[in-house]
PDB file of N, CA and C in Angstrom:
ATOM      1  N   MET A   1     243.903  96.134 330.266  1.00  0.00           N
ATOM      2  CA  MET A   1     242.646  96.579 329.734  1.00  0.00           C
ATOM      3  C   MET A   1     242.368  97.967 330.322  1.00  0.00           C
ATOM      4  N   ARG A   2     241.919  98.869 329.458  1.00  0.00           N
ATOM      5  CA  ARG A   2     241.574 100.221 329.883  1.00  0.00           C
ATOM      6  C   ARG A   2     240.205 100.591 329.341  1.00  0.00           C
ATOM      7  N   GLY A   3     239.501 101.377 330.090  1.00  0.00           N
ATOM      8  CA  GLY A   3     238.225 101.892 329.640  1.00  0.00           C
ATOM      9  C   GLY A   3     238.081 103.328 330.099  1.00  0.00           C
ATOM     10  N   ASN A   4     237.309 104.106 329.357  1.00  0.00           N
ATOM     11  CA  ASN A   4     237.071 105.483 329.763  1.00  0.00           C
ATOM     12  C   ASN A   4     235.719 105.948 329.261  1.00  0.00           C
ATOM     13  N   THR A   5     235.241 107.001 329.876  1.00  0.00           N
ATOM     14  CA  THR A   5     234.006 107.631 329.457  1.00  0.00           C
ATOM     15  C   THR A   5     234.175 109.134 329.604  1.00  0.00           C
ATOM     16  N   GLY A   6     233.455 109.883 328.819  1.00  0.00           N
ATOM     17  CA  GLY A   6     233.593 111.328 328.893  1.00  0.00           C
ATOM     18  C   GLY A   6     232.319 112.026 328.479  1.00  0.00           C
ATOM     19  N   ALA A   7     232.244 113.288 328.822  1.00  0.00           N
ATOM     20  CA  ALA A   7     231.113 114.128 328.453  1.00  0.00           C
ATOM     21  C   ALA A   7     231.631 115.551 328.338  1.00  0.00           C
ATOM     22  N   GLY A   8     230.779 116.437 327.953  1.00  0.00           N
ATOM     23  CA  GLY A   8     231.188 117.826 327.787  1.00  0.00           C
ATOM     24  C   GLY A   8     230.633 118.312 326.471  1.00  0.00           C
ATOM     25  N   GLY A   9     231.514 118.557 325.499  1.00  0.00           N
ATOM     26  CA  GLY A   9     231.074 118.963 324.169  1.00  0.00           C
ATOM     27  C   GLY A   9     230.283 117.869 323.481  1.00  0.00           C
ATOM     28  N   LEU A  10     230.532 116.635 323.864  1.00  0.00           N
ATOM     29  CA  LEU A  10     229.779 115.496 323.332  1.00  0.00           C
ATOM     30  C   LEU A  10     228.744 115.064 324.353  1.00  0.00           C
ATOM     31  N   ASP A  11     227.663 114.465 323.877  1.00  0.00           N
ATOM     32  CA  ASP A  11     226.707 113.894 324.821  1.00  0.00           C
ATOM     33  C   ASP A  11     227.351 112.730 325.567  1.00  0.00           C
ATOM     34  N   SER A  12     228.102 111.908 324.845  1.00  0.00           N
ATOM     35  CA  SER A  12     228.823 110.816 325.496  1.00  0.00           C
ATOM     36  C   SER A  12     229.969 110.339 324.617  1.00  0.00           C
ATOM     37  N   ALA A  13     230.999 109.866 325.267  1.00  0.00           N
ATOM     38  CA  ALA A  13     232.140 109.239 324.591  1.00  0.00           C
ATOM     39  C   ALA A  13     232.570 108.052 325.442  1.00  0.00           C
ATOM     40  N   LEU A  14     232.556 106.874 324.848  1.00  0.00           N
ATOM     41  CA  LEU A  14     232.946 105.654 325.552  1.00  0.00           C
ATOM     42  C   LEU A  14     234.099 105.005 324.810  1.00  0.00           C
ATOM     43  N   GLY A  15     235.096 104.557 325.550  1.00  0.00           N
ATOM     44  CA  GLY A  15     236.243 103.910 324.925  1.00  0.00           C
ATOM     45  C   GLY A  15     236.658 102.664 325.680  1.00  0.00           C
ATOM     46  N   LEU A  16     237.187 101.694 324.952  1.00  0.00           N
ATOM     47  CA  LEU A  16     237.698 100.458 325.537  1.00  0.00           C
ATOM     48  C   LEU A  16     238.930 100.041 324.753  1.00  0.00           C
ATOM     49  N   GLU A  17     239.984  99.688 325.473  1.00  0.00           N
ATOM     50  CA  GLU A  17     241.198  99.207 324.820  1.00  0.00           C
ATOM     51  C   GLU A  17     241.734  98.006 325.589  1.00  0.00           C
ATOM     52  N   ILE A  18     242.041  96.952 324.844  1.00  0.00           N
ATOM     53  CA  ILE A  18     242.612  95.730 325.403  1.00  0.00           C
ATOM     54  C   ILE A  18     243.962  95.517 324.728  1.00  0.00           C
ATOM     55  N   ASP A  19     245.030  95.416 325.537  1.00  0.00           N
ATOM     56  CA  ASP A  19     246.387  95.264 325.011  1.00  0.00           C
ATOM     57  C   ASP A  19     247.041  93.999 325.551  1.00  0.00           C
ATOM     58  N   PHE A  20     247.852  93.392 324.705  1.00  0.00           N
ATOM     59  CA  PHE A  20     248.708  92.280 325.098  1.00  0.00           C
ATOM     60  C   PHE A  20     250.135  92.701 324.814  1.00  0.00           C
ATOM     61  N   ARG A  21     250.994  92.590 325.811  1.00  0.00           N
ATOM     62  CA  ARG A  21     252.358  93.092 325.688  1.00  0.00           C
ATOM     63  C   ARG A  21     253.364  91.964 325.885  1.00  0.00           C
ATOM     64  N   ARG A  22     254.338  91.910 325.007  1.00  0.00           N
ATOM     65  CA  ARG A  22     255.436  90.931 325.084  1.00  0.00           C
ATOM     66  C   ARG A  22     256.723  91.707 325.304  1.00  0.00           C
ATOM     67  N   GLU A  23     257.437  91.390 326.385  1.00  0.00           N
ATOM     68  CA  GLU A  23     258.693  92.069 326.689  1.00  0.00           C
ATOM     69  C   GLU A  23     259.867  91.223 326.212  1.00  0.00           C
ATOM     70  N   PHE A  24     260.799  91.899 325.557  1.00  0.00           N
ATOM     71  CA  PHE A  24     262.018  91.262 325.074  1.00  0.00           C
ATOM     72  C   PHE A  24     263.203  91.740 325.906  1.00  0.00           C
ATOM     73  N   SER A  25     264.362  91.187 325.631  1.00  0.00           N
ATOM     74  CA  SER A  25     265.549  91.597 326.372  1.00  0.00           C
ATOM     75  C   SER A  25     265.921  93.035 326.027  1.00  0.00           C
ATOM     76  N   GLY A  26     266.573  93.698 326.954  1.00  0.00           N
ATOM     77  CA  GLY A  26     267.038  95.057 326.718  1.00  0.00           C
ATOM     78  C   GLY A  26     265.954  96.114 326.849  1.00  0.00           C
ATOM     79  N   GLY A  27     264.805  95.784 327.417  1.00  0.00           N
ATOM     80  CA  GLY A  27     263.749  96.760 327.613  1.00  0.00           C
ATOM     81  C   GLY A  27     262.845  96.978 326.415  1.00  0.00           C
ATOM     82  N   ASN A  28     262.965  96.156 325.380  1.00  0.00           N
ATOM     83  CA  ASN A  28     262.100  96.287 324.204  1.00  0.00           C
ATOM     84  C   ASN A  28     260.766  95.593 324.454  1.00  0.00           C
ATOM     85  N   ARG A  29     259.672  96.186 323.903  1.00  0.00           N
ATOM     86  CA  ARG A  29     258.337  95.618 324.089  1.00  0.00           C
ATOM     87  C   ARG A  29     257.522  95.727 322.809  1.00  0.00           C
ATOM     88  N   LEU A  30     256.745  94.703 322.534  1.00  0.00           N
ATOM     89  CA  LEU A  30     255.799  94.688 321.428  1.00  0.00           C
ATOM     90  C   LEU A  30     254.394  94.629 322.027  1.00  0.00           C
ATOM     91  N   THR A  31     253.518  95.535 321.585  1.00  0.00           N
ATOM     92  CA  THR A  31     252.159  95.603 322.109  1.00  0.00           C
ATOM     93  C   THR A  31     251.168  95.446 320.960  1.00  0.00           C
ATOM     94  N   LEU A  32     250.232  94.521 321.122  1.00  0.00           N
ATOM     95  CA  LEU A  32     249.138  94.305 320.166  1.00  0.00           C
ATOM     96  C   LEU A  32     247.830  94.463 320.922  1.00  0.00           C
ATOM     97  N   GLY A  33     246.855  95.084 320.287  1.00  0.00           N
ATOM     98  CA  GLY A  33     245.607  95.278 320.998  1.00  0.00           C
ATOM     99  C   GLY A  33     244.445  95.600 320.084  1.00  0.00           C
ATOM    100  N   PHE A  34     243.326  95.851 320.724  1.00  0.00           N
ATOM    101  CA  PHE A  34     242.089  96.220 320.048  1.00  0.00           C
ATOM    102  C   PHE A  34     241.514  97.434 320.755  1.00  0.00           C
ATOM    103  N   ARG A  35     241.056  98.410 319.989  1.00  0.00           N
ATOM    104  CA  ARG A  35     240.498  99.626 320.570  1.00  0.00           C
ATOM    105  C   ARG A  35     239.149  99.933 319.923  1.00  0.00           C
ATOM    106  N   ALA A  36     238.192 100.310 320.758  1.00  0.00           N
ATOM    107  CA  ALA A  36     236.867 100.717 320.282  1.00  0.00           C
ATOM    108  C   ALA A  36     236.514 102.054 320.925  1.00  0.00           C
ATOM    109  N   LEU A  37     235.963 102.953 320.127  1.00  0.00           N
ATOM    110  CA  LEU A  37     235.566 104.277 320.595  1.00  0.00           C
ATOM    111  C   LEU A  37     234.190 104.590 320.027  1.00  0.00           C
ATOM    112  N   ASP A  38     233.251 104.940 320.899  1.00  0.00           N
ATOM    113  CA  ASP A  38     231.872 105.238 320.507  1.00  0.00           C
ATOM    114  C   ASP A  38     231.562 106.680 320.890  1.00  0.00           C
ATOM    115  N   LEU A  39     231.137 107.485 319.915  1.00  0.00           N
ATOM    116  CA  LEU A  39     230.832 108.899 320.132  1.00  0.00           C
ATOM    117  C   LEU A  39     229.365 109.165 319.820  1.00  0.00           C
ATOM    118  N   ASP A  40     228.740 110.001 320.626  1.00  0.00           N
ATOM    119  CA  ASP A  40     227.346 110.395 320.417  1.00  0.00           C
ATOM    120  C   ASP A  40     227.255 111.902 320.632  1.00  0.00           C
ATOM    121  N   PHE A  41     226.770 112.626 319.619  1.00  0.00           N
ATOM    122  CA  PHE A  41     226.686 114.082 319.676  1.00  0.00           C
ATOM    123  C   PHE A  41     225.347 114.534 319.115  1.00  0.00           C
ATOM    124  N   GLN A  42     224.666 115.373 319.854  1.00  0.00           N
ATOM    125  CA  GLN A  42     223.404 115.939 319.393  1.00  0.00           C
ATOM    126  C   GLN A  42     223.407 117.429 319.682  1.00  0.00           C
ATOM    127  N   LYS A  43     222.943 118.217 318.710  1.00  0.00           N
ATOM    128  CA  LYS A  43     222.864 119.663 318.892  1.00  0.00           C
ATOM    129  C   LYS A  43     221.678 120.177 318.091  1.00  0.00           C
ATOM    130  N   SER A  44     220.866 120.952 318.741  1.00  0.00           N
ATOM    131  CA  SER A  44     219.738 121.587 318.063  1.00  0.00           C
ATOM    132  C   SER A  44     220.085 123.053 317.849  1.00  0.00           C
ATOM    133  N   SER A  45     220.004 123.483 316.616  1.00  0.00           N
ATOM    134  CA  SER A  45     220.272 124.885 316.302  1.00  0.00           C
ATOM    135  C   SER A  45     219.132 125.427 315.459  1.00  0.00           C
ATOM    136  N   ASP A  46     219.187 126.706 315.182  1.00  0.00           N
ATOM    137  CA  ASP A  46     218.139 127.320 314.365  1.00  0.00           C
ATOM    138  C   ASP A  46     218.167 126.814 312.924  1.00  0.00           C
ATOM    139  N   ALA A  47     219.350 126.550 312.399  1.00  0.00           N
ATOM    140  CA  ALA A  47     219.483 126.150 310.995  1.00  0.00           C
ATOM    141  C   ALA A  47     219.040 124.705 310.780  1.00  0.00           C
ATOM    142  N   ALA A  48     219.715 123.797 311.416  1.00  0.00           N
ATOM    143  CA  ALA A  48     219.394 122.380 311.239  1.00  0.00           C
ATOM    144  C   ALA A  48     219.899 121.605 312.449  1.00  0.00           C
ATOM    145  N   PRO A  49     219.122 120.655 312.930  1.00  0.00           N
ATOM    146  CA  PRO A  49     219.605 119.841 314.046  1.00  0.00           C
ATOM    147  C   PRO A  49     220.702 118.879 313.593  1.00  0.00           C
ATOM    148  N   ILE A  50     221.620 118.621 314.493  1.00  0.00           N
ATOM    149  CA  ILE A  50     222.725 117.693 314.207  1.00  0.00           C
ATOM    150  C   ILE A  50     222.593 116.495 315.135  1.00  0.00           C
ATOM    151  N   ASP A  51     222.615 115.319 314.568  1.00  0.00           N
ATOM    152  CA  ASP A  51     222.590 114.078 315.342  1.00  0.00           C
ATOM    153  C   ASP A  51     223.669 113.173 314.772  1.00  0.00           C
ATOM    154  N   LEU A  52     224.723 112.955 315.534  1.00  0.00           N
ATOM    155  CA  LEU A  52     225.885 112.219 315.047  1.00  0.00           C
ATOM    156  C   LEU A  52     226.194 111.067 315.985  1.00  0.00           C
ATOM    157  N   GLU A  53     226.257 109.883 315.449  1.00  0.00           N
ATOM    158  CA  GLU A  53     226.674 108.698 316.200  1.00  0.00           C
ATOM    159  C   GLU A  53     227.747 107.996 315.383  1.00  0.00           C
ATOM    160  N   MET A  54     228.921 107.809 315.980  1.00  0.00           N
ATOM    161  CA  MET A  54     230.037 107.147 315.282  1.00  0.00           C
ATOM    162  C   MET A  54     230.672 106.114 316.194  1.00  0.00           C
ATOM    163  N   MET A  55     231.178 105.060 315.585  1.00  0.00           N
ATOM    164  CA  MET A  55     231.956 104.063 316.316  1.00  0.00           C
ATOM    165  C   MET A  55     233.183 103.718 315.490  1.00  0.00           C
ATOM    166  N   PHE A  56     234.318 103.810 316.140  1.00  0.00           N
ATOM    167  CA  PHE A  56     235.589 103.430 315.529  1.00  0.00           C
ATOM    168  C   PHE A  56     236.102 102.196 316.258  1.00  0.00           C
ATOM    169  N   ALA A  57     236.610 101.228 315.516  1.00  0.00           N
ATOM    170  CA  ALA A  57     237.162 100.023 316.123  1.00  0.00           C
ATOM    171  C   ALA A  57     238.292  99.524 315.246  1.00  0.00           C
ATOM    172  N   GLY A  58     239.342  99.000 315.882  1.00  0.00           N
ATOM    173  CA  GLY A  58     240.427  98.470 315.087  1.00  0.00           C
ATOM    174  C   GLY A  58     241.599  97.976 315.907  1.00  0.00           C
ATOM    175  N   LEU A  59     242.561  97.454 315.212  1.00  0.00           N
ATOM    176  CA  LEU A  59     243.775  96.881 315.777  1.00  0.00           C
ATOM    177  C   LEU A  59     244.763  97.987 316.144  1.00  0.00           C
ATOM    178  N   THR A  60     245.439  97.825 317.254  1.00  0.00           N
ATOM    179  CA  THR A  60     246.512  98.742 317.632  1.00  0.00           C
ATOM    180  C   THR A  60     247.815  97.952 317.726  1.00  0.00           C
ATOM    181  N   VAL A  61     248.884  98.544 317.261  1.00  0.00           N
ATOM    182  CA  VAL A  61     250.210  97.916 317.275  1.00  0.00           C
ATOM    183  C   VAL A  61     251.211  98.943 317.768  1.00  0.00           C
ATOM    184  N   GLY A  62     252.063  98.543 318.687  1.00  0.00           N
ATOM    185  CA  GLY A  62     253.095  99.456 319.179  1.00  0.00           C
ATOM    186  C   GLY A  62     254.367  98.705 319.495  1.00  0.00           C
ATOM    187  N   TYR A  63     255.484  99.405 319.363  1.00  0.00           N
ATOM    188  CA  TYR A  63     256.786  98.818 319.702  1.00  0.00           C
ATOM    189  C   TYR A  63     257.570  99.866 320.509  1.00  0.00           C
ATOM    190  N   THR A  64     258.029  99.472 321.664  1.00  0.00           N
ATOM    191  CA  THR A  64     258.820 100.352 322.519  1.00  0.00           C
ATOM    192  C   THR A  64     260.243  99.800 322.574  1.00  0.00           C
ATOM    193  N   PHE A  65     261.207 100.675 322.331  1.00  0.00           N
ATOM    194  CA  PHE A  65     262.583 100.209 322.384  1.00  0.00           C
ATOM    195  C   PHE A  65     263.410 101.131 323.280  1.00  0.00           C
ATOM    196  N   ASP A  66     264.452 100.558 323.822  1.00  0.00           N
ATOM    197  CA  ASP A  66     265.350 101.276 324.727  1.00  0.00           C
ATOM    198  C   ASP A  66     266.661 101.501 323.979  1.00  0.00           C
ATOM    199  N   LEU A  67     267.091 102.741 323.948  1.00  0.00           N
ATOM    200  CA  LEU A  67     268.335 103.059 323.235  1.00  0.00           C
ATOM    201  C   LEU A  67     269.543 102.763 324.057  1.00  0.00           C
TER     202      LEU A  67
END
């Protein structure tokens, strides 16, 4: 399980990823997981204020193989 947070150009960025990994013979691995990312951005300008809130979530799949 991994988590992260960030700031800077964004007001906030939060992420969480949970992975389950199965190792096979010969160094091969299959990874299945879930990832969520939440972004919050606000900016006031002369033209128009910007207020953006987004959340991305979904399945992650990976396969690592050894040559």
